[in-house]
Amino acid sequence: MELIPQGEKAIVDFEVRSRDEVKSGIPVYPNDLLIAKITPCFENGKIGFVPNKFGSFIATTEVYPIRPKGKIDMKFLFYFLKLSEIREHLKNQMTGSSGRKRVPKGALLSLPIPLPPLPEQKRIVEILSLAEDLIKKQKGAIALIDKILMAKFLEMFGDPATNPKGWEVRRLGEVVDISPAKYKLWTKKVFFIPMELIPQGEKVFTDFQIKDIDEVKSGTPVYPNDLLLAKITPCFENGKIGFVPPRDGCFIATTEVHPIRPKRKIDLRFLFFFLKHPRIKEYLKNNMTGTSGRKRVPKNALKNLLIPLPPHRTPKRVCPNR
């Protein structure tokens, strides 16, 4: 599942294995379109094409392989299934227990799809492909900015893993609350933050959806300016972290994050960059627990994480709001 793309490209990667090494899977063909059916992979937008290469392909059982049988451009279908309205519709059709929900095959088969003539489908695909290329270039520029910001962070604070400035070191649980106690919601309309709206390097603040409280089946109440860190694989490894927007109202986030709130003098913007540091991410990744594909960063791994604390007067310009 981790090799199926999540928005950044259309072709899946693969591993070369002997047949005896593959314990379970489903045979697929080159150019088949694979869409994840299990949570949170479906919600995270995992969809892509099997490479157009000669050979035998086997995919995880947690995808639906899709193959054309009529006049449809599969790239048109690819973009159609990425539409937020379509994904929300399919998400509402998911069945199963919490944490193991899946999109039923029948929900996909019965999904209405507008089918313009094939030349029009291809024209739409060309336009969307061009737009996607522009978005990729923008993300590349933002990734470069992130590298520059991390370099500036290291220049000002030193490597937090080695603490060259000799600052006071504390366990993270001593200076912040992690997944603090929930509060009682007081409004019928809430700002909901699903995993797909938590930034992945491109910005600092999360986006949100406005929903009736009855529409939110599960979630964690959070406060404005809380720092949200994804705890489940692959979202944690993909760098999903961001702040709840600073606005009045009731916020509810996906249960697959650790909300972080300060309880003594620590600038959470410093912590934001600290948690994005490659060595810190690697340490937390190595402490993940759970079964393959459902691993999570335990709360205690975060609480026991050692963090050097710069003086609170440290300039804030290294952590801009974007």
Protein backbone atom coordinates (compact mmCIF):
# COMPACT_ATOMS: atom_id res chain seq x y z
CA MET A 1 0.00 0.00 0.00
CA GLU A 2 2.83 2.43 0.80
CA LEU A 3 3.93 2.38 -2.88
CA ILE A 4 0.54 3.50 -4.21
CA PRO A 5 0.74 7.26 -4.85
CA GLN A 6 -1.07 9.80 -2.73
CA GLY A 7 -1.61 12.77 -5.00
CA GLU A 8 1.96 13.41 -6.14
CA LYS A 9 1.96 11.14 -9.20
CA ALA A 10 -0.15 8.67 -11.20
CA ILE A 11 2.03 5.55 -11.53
CA VAL A 12 2.53 3.14 -8.62
CA ASP A 13 5.99 1.96 -7.62
CA PHE A 14 6.70 -1.72 -7.03
CA GLU A 15 9.08 -4.19 -5.40
CA VAL A 16 10.59 -7.18 -7.21
CA ARG A 17 9.95 -10.34 -5.17
CA SER A 18 9.95 -14.10 -5.65
CA ARG A 19 6.48 -15.67 -5.72
CA ASP A 20 7.16 -17.47 -2.41
CA GLU A 21 7.75 -14.13 -0.67
CA VAL A 22 4.24 -12.88 -1.46
CA LYS A 23 1.92 -14.26 1.23
CA SER A 24 -1.25 -12.57 -0.04
CA GLY A 25 -2.29 -10.31 -2.90
CA ILE A 26 -4.34 -10.01 -6.05
CA PRO A 27 -3.01 -10.35 -9.61
CA VAL A 28 -3.33 -7.15 -11.65
CA TYR A 29 -2.44 -6.12 -15.19
CA PRO A 30 -0.30 -3.27 -16.53
CA ASN A 31 -2.35 -0.06 -16.82
CA ASP A 32 -4.97 -1.24 -14.29
CA LEU A 33 -6.14 1.62 -12.06
CA LEU A 34 -5.76 0.78 -8.36
CA ILE A 35 -7.81 2.59 -5.72
CA ALA A 36 -7.33 1.98 -2.00
CA LYS A 37 -10.46 0.74 -0.27
CA ILE A 38 -9.46 0.75 3.43
CA THR A 39 -9.31 3.67 5.88
CA PRO A 40 -7.22 5.87 6.15
CA CYS A 41 -5.61 5.03 2.79
CA PHE A 42 -8.80 5.75 0.85
CA GLU A 43 -9.33 9.10 2.61
CA ASN A 44 -5.66 9.97 2.01
CA GLY A 45 -6.25 9.66 -1.75
CA LYS A 46 -4.19 6.58 -2.59
CA ILE A 47 -4.86 5.86 -6.26
CA GLY A 48 -2.61 5.08 -9.22
CA PHE A 49 -1.92 3.03 -12.33
CA VAL A 50 0.01 -0.23 -12.54
CA PRO A 51 3.15 0.53 -14.61
CA ASN A 52 2.98 -0.30 -18.32
CA LYS A 53 5.77 -2.88 -18.08
CA PHE A 54 6.01 -6.52 -19.10
CA GLY A 55 5.75 -8.92 -16.15
CA SER A 56 3.44 -10.33 -13.49
CA PHE A 57 2.07 -7.83 -10.99
CA ILE A 58 0.48 -8.60 -7.63
CA ALA A 59 -1.11 -5.83 -5.56
CA THR A 60 -2.23 -5.59 -1.94
CA THR A 61 -5.70 -7.00 -1.28
CA GLU A 62 -6.70 -3.59 0.12
CA VAL A 63 -7.20 -2.06 -3.34
CA TYR A 64 -9.79 -2.37 -6.09
CA PRO A 65 -8.20 -2.93 -9.52
CA ILE A 66 -10.24 -1.15 -12.21
CA ARG A 67 -10.09 -2.07 -15.92
CA PRO A 68 -12.07 -0.43 -18.77
CA LYS A 69 -14.80 -2.32 -20.64
CA GLY A 70 -16.36 0.58 -22.55
CA LYS A 71 -15.54 3.96 -24.07
CA ILE A 72 -13.79 5.61 -21.14
CA ASP A 73 -10.38 7.20 -20.87
CA MET A 74 -8.88 5.72 -17.68
CA LYS A 75 -7.05 8.97 -16.93
CA PHE A 76 -10.45 10.71 -17.03
CA LEU A 77 -11.68 8.17 -14.47
CA PHE A 78 -8.50 8.72 -12.43
CA TYR A 79 -9.24 12.45 -12.11
CA PHE A 80 -12.95 11.81 -11.52
CA LEU A 81 -12.20 9.50 -8.55
CA LYS A 82 -9.88 12.15 -7.08
CA LEU A 83 -12.67 14.74 -6.87
CA SER A 84 -13.35 15.66 -3.24
CA GLU A 85 -17.13 15.35 -3.74
CA ILE A 86 -16.78 11.81 -5.11
CA ARG A 87 -14.37 10.77 -2.35
CA GLU A 88 -16.73 12.18 0.29
CA HIS A 89 -19.64 10.26 -1.26
CA LEU A 90 -17.67 6.99 -1.20
CA LYS A 91 -16.36 7.70 2.30
CA ASN A 92 -19.96 7.95 3.53
CA GLN A 93 -20.61 4.50 2.04
CA MET A 94 -17.75 2.80 3.93
CA THR A 95 -18.61 -0.16 6.13
CA GLY A 96 -16.81 -2.09 8.87
CA SER A 97 -15.48 -1.48 12.36
CA SER A 98 -13.69 1.71 13.38
CA GLY A 99 -10.15 1.78 11.96
CA ARG A 100 -10.90 -1.04 9.50
CA LYS A 101 -13.61 0.54 7.37
CA ARG A 102 -13.65 -0.18 3.64
CA VAL A 103 -15.39 1.16 0.55
CA PRO A 104 -17.76 -1.63 -0.58
CA LYS A 105 -17.36 -2.85 -4.16
CA GLY A 106 -21.05 -2.15 -4.73
CA ALA A 107 -20.57 1.52 -3.86
CA LEU A 108 -18.02 1.84 -6.68
CA LEU A 109 -20.08 -0.16 -9.18
CA SER A 110 -23.19 1.95 -8.57
CA LEU A 111 -21.33 5.29 -8.66
CA PRO A 112 -22.87 7.56 -11.34
CA ILE A 113 -20.26 9.04 -13.69
CA PRO A 114 -20.83 11.61 -16.44
CA LEU A 115 -19.36 10.29 -19.69
CA PRO A 116 -18.74 12.94 -22.36
CA PRO A 117 -17.58 11.71 -25.81
CA LEU A 118 -14.09 10.19 -25.77
CA PRO A 119 -12.42 13.21 -27.51
CA GLU A 120 -13.92 15.49 -24.84
CA GLN A 121 -12.64 13.17 -22.09
CA LYS A 122 -9.15 13.41 -23.55
CA ARG A 123 -9.38 17.21 -23.75
CA ILE A 124 -10.40 17.37 -20.07
CA VAL A 125 -7.49 15.06 -19.15
CA GLU A 126 -5.03 17.35 -21.00
CA ILE A 127 -6.29 20.40 -19.09
CA LEU A 128 -6.15 18.64 -15.72
CA SER A 129 -2.70 17.19 -16.46
CA LEU A 130 -1.42 20.70 -17.22
CA ALA A 131 -2.94 22.02 -13.98
CA GLU A 132 -1.36 19.14 -12.05
CA ASP A 133 2.06 19.90 -13.55
CA LEU A 134 1.74 23.51 -12.39
CA ILE A 135 0.79 22.35 -8.89
CA LYS A 136 3.82 20.03 -8.81
CA LYS A 137 6.11 22.92 -9.73
CA GLN A 138 4.56 25.03 -6.97
CA LYS A 139 5.05 22.21 -4.46
CA GLY A 140 8.67 21.91 -5.59
CA ALA A 141 9.19 25.59 -4.86
CA ILE A 142 7.52 25.21 -1.46
CA ALA A 143 9.68 22.16 -0.67
CA LEU A 144 12.75 24.28 -1.43
CA ILE A 145 11.46 26.97 0.95
CA ASP A 146 10.98 24.30 3.62
CA LYS A 147 14.61 23.20 3.16
CA ILE A 148 15.77 26.79 3.48
CA LEU A 149 13.67 27.25 6.65
CA MET A 150 15.07 24.03 8.14
CA ALA A 151 18.61 25.20 7.32
CA LYS A 152 17.84 28.52 9.04
CA PHE A 153 16.40 26.63 12.01
CA LEU A 154 19.62 24.60 12.33
CA GLU A 155 21.73 27.74 11.95
CA MET A 156 19.88 29.50 14.77
CA PHE A 157 19.25 26.61 17.15
CA GLY A 158 21.82 24.00 16.16
CA ASP A 159 20.98 20.34 15.63
CA PRO A 160 18.37 19.46 18.29
CA ALA A 161 19.64 15.88 18.31
CA THR A 162 23.07 17.01 19.60
CA ASN A 163 22.09 20.29 21.41
CA PRO A 164 25.37 22.11 20.61
CA LYS A 165 24.21 25.27 22.45
CA GLY A 166 23.87 23.36 25.73
CA TRP A 167 20.28 24.42 26.39
CA GLU A 168 18.16 22.91 29.15
CA VAL A 169 16.83 19.50 28.08
CA ARG A 170 13.40 18.27 29.13
CA ARG A 171 11.08 15.46 28.20
CA LEU A 172 8.42 16.74 25.84
CA GLY A 173 5.67 15.58 28.21
CA GLU A 174 6.99 18.00 30.83
CA VAL A 175 6.41 21.08 28.68
CA VAL A 176 3.33 20.19 26.62
CA ASP A 177 0.11 18.27 26.99
CA ILE A 178 -0.22 15.51 24.39
CA SER A 179 -3.75 14.41 23.49
CA PRO A 180 -5.14 16.43 26.45
CA ALA A 181 -8.57 15.87 27.97
CA LYS A 182 -11.52 16.47 25.65
CA TYR A 183 -13.90 19.36 26.17
CA LYS A 184 -17.66 19.59 25.78
CA LEU A 185 -18.84 20.91 22.42
CA TRP A 186 -21.30 23.79 22.61
CA THR A 187 -22.31 24.45 18.99
CA LYS A 188 -24.26 22.53 16.36
CA LYS A 189 -21.81 23.55 13.62
CA VAL A 190 -18.17 22.46 13.98
CA PHE A 191 -14.93 22.89 12.07
CA PHE A 192 -13.82 19.35 11.16
CA ILE A 193 -10.18 18.58 10.31
CA PRO A 194 -9.82 15.22 8.48
CA MET A 195 -6.38 13.74 7.84
CA GLU A 196 -6.33 14.87 4.20
CA LEU A 197 -6.55 18.53 5.26
CA ILE A 198 -3.54 18.39 7.58
CA PRO A 199 -0.58 19.91 5.70
CA GLN A 200 2.28 17.83 4.43
CA GLY A 201 5.06 20.36 4.09
CA GLU A 202 3.25 22.90 1.96
CA LYS A 203 1.96 25.15 4.74
CA VAL A 204 1.61 25.59 8.50
CA PHE A 205 -2.14 25.82 9.22
CA THR A 206 -4.63 23.02 8.61
CA ASP A 207 -7.70 23.49 6.45
CA PHE A 208 -11.12 22.42 7.73
CA GLN A 209 -14.66 21.53 6.72
CA ILE A 210 -17.78 23.08 8.26
CA LYS A 211 -20.13 20.29 9.37
CA ASP A 212 -23.17 19.68 11.53
CA ILE A 213 -22.06 17.98 14.73
CA ASP A 214 -24.29 14.98 13.85
CA GLU A 215 -22.28 14.45 10.65
CA VAL A 216 -19.05 13.82 12.57
CA LYS A 217 -19.08 10.15 13.55
CA SER A 218 -15.76 10.22 15.40
CA GLY A 219 -13.08 12.76 16.23
CA THR A 220 -11.03 14.55 18.84
CA PRO A 221 -12.03 18.03 20.05
CA VAL A 222 -9.10 20.42 19.71
CA TYR A 223 -8.44 24.11 20.37
CA PRO A 224 -7.31 26.90 18.03
CA ASN A 225 -3.48 26.97 17.81
CA ASP A 226 -3.11 23.33 18.93
CA LEU A 227 -0.34 21.57 17.01
CA LEU A 228 -1.62 18.40 15.30
CA LEU A 229 0.84 15.58 14.55
CA ALA A 230 -0.32 12.58 12.51
CA LYS A 231 0.33 9.38 14.44
CA ILE A 232 -0.59 6.64 11.96
CA THR A 233 1.44 5.21 9.08
CA PRO A 234 1.97 6.40 6.34
CA CYS A 235 0.66 9.84 7.37
CA PHE A 236 3.32 10.29 10.05
CA GLU A 237 6.16 9.32 7.70
CA ASN A 238 4.71 11.65 5.05
CA GLY A 239 5.18 14.57 7.45
CA LYS A 240 1.57 15.53 8.19
CA ILE A 241 1.74 18.22 10.87
CA GLY A 242 0.05 21.59 11.27
CA PHE A 243 -1.67 24.08 13.52
CA VAL A 244 -5.40 24.41 14.16
CA PRO A 245 -6.35 27.83 12.69
CA PRO A 246 -6.59 30.68 15.26
CA ARG A 247 -10.31 31.42 14.95
CA ASP A 248 -13.32 31.19 17.24
CA GLY A 249 -15.42 28.03 17.11
CA CYS A 250 -15.44 24.33 17.94
CA PHE A 251 -12.80 22.26 16.16
CA ILE A 252 -12.82 18.46 15.85
CA ALA A 253 -9.84 16.63 14.34
CA THR A 254 -9.43 13.06 13.13
CA THR A 255 -8.61 10.63 15.93
CA GLU A 256 -5.41 9.71 14.07
CA VAL A 257 -3.51 12.77 15.34
CA HIS A 258 -1.82 13.73 18.58
CA PRO A 259 -3.02 17.23 19.55
CA ILE A 260 -0.21 19.10 21.34
CA ARG A 261 -0.80 22.07 23.68
CA PRO A 262 1.84 23.98 25.72
CA LYS A 263 1.76 23.87 29.51
CA ARG A 264 4.91 25.94 30.16
CA LYS A 265 7.06 28.40 28.25
CA ILE A 266 7.68 26.75 24.88
CA ASP A 267 7.02 28.27 21.49
CA LEU A 268 5.04 25.66 19.53
CA ARG A 269 6.47 27.07 16.31
CA PHE A 270 9.88 25.93 17.52
CA LEU A 271 8.36 22.52 18.30
CA PHE A 272 6.82 22.43 14.79
CA PHE A 273 10.29 22.54 13.20
CA PHE A 274 11.76 20.27 15.88
CA LEU A 275 9.24 17.53 15.02
CA LYS A 276 9.99 17.93 11.30
CA HIS A 277 13.71 17.29 11.86
CA PRO A 278 14.73 14.05 10.05
CA ARG A 279 16.46 12.53 13.11
CA ILE A 280 13.45 13.20 15.34
CA LYS A 281 11.08 11.71 12.75
CA GLU A 282 13.31 8.65 12.41
CA TYR A 283 13.40 8.18 16.19
CA LEU A 284 9.61 8.33 16.45
CA LYS A 285 9.19 6.07 13.41
CA ASN A 286 11.39 3.44 15.08
CA ASN A 287 9.15 3.57 18.15
CA MET A 288 5.89 3.01 16.28
CA THR A 289 3.75 0.09 17.43
CA GLY A 290 0.95 -1.97 15.88
CA THR A 291 0.44 -4.29 12.93
CA SER A 292 1.86 -3.67 9.48
CA GLY A 293 -0.04 -0.89 7.72
CA ARG A 294 -1.68 0.26 10.98
CA LYS A 295 1.36 1.34 12.99
CA ARG A 296 1.09 4.42 15.20
CA VAL A 297 3.42 6.70 17.17
CA PRO A 298 2.56 5.94 20.83
CA LYS A 299 1.73 8.86 23.10
CA ASN A 300 4.50 7.78 25.50
CA ALA A 301 7.12 7.93 22.73
CA LEU A 302 6.25 11.60 22.30
CA LYS A 303 6.06 12.30 26.04
CA ASN A 304 9.52 10.80 26.62
CA LEU A 305 11.12 12.57 23.65
CA LEU A 306 14.03 14.72 24.84
CA ILE A 307 13.90 18.30 23.60
CA PRO A 308 16.40 21.14 24.16
CA LEU A 309 14.58 24.32 25.22
CA PRO A 310 15.93 27.56 23.78
CA PRO A 311 15.40 30.71 25.85
CA HIS A 312 11.83 31.87 25.39
CA ARG A 313 13.03 35.22 24.06
CA THR A 314 14.41 33.46 20.94
CA PRO A 315 13.42 35.42 17.80
CA LYS A 316 10.25 34.13 16.17
CA ARG A 317 11.10 34.99 12.60
CA VAL A 318 12.38 31.48 11.87
CA CYS A 319 8.82 30.15 12.18
CA PRO A 320 6.72 32.24 9.80
CA ASN A 321 2.98 31.78 9.37
CA ARG A 322 2.33 30.68 5.81
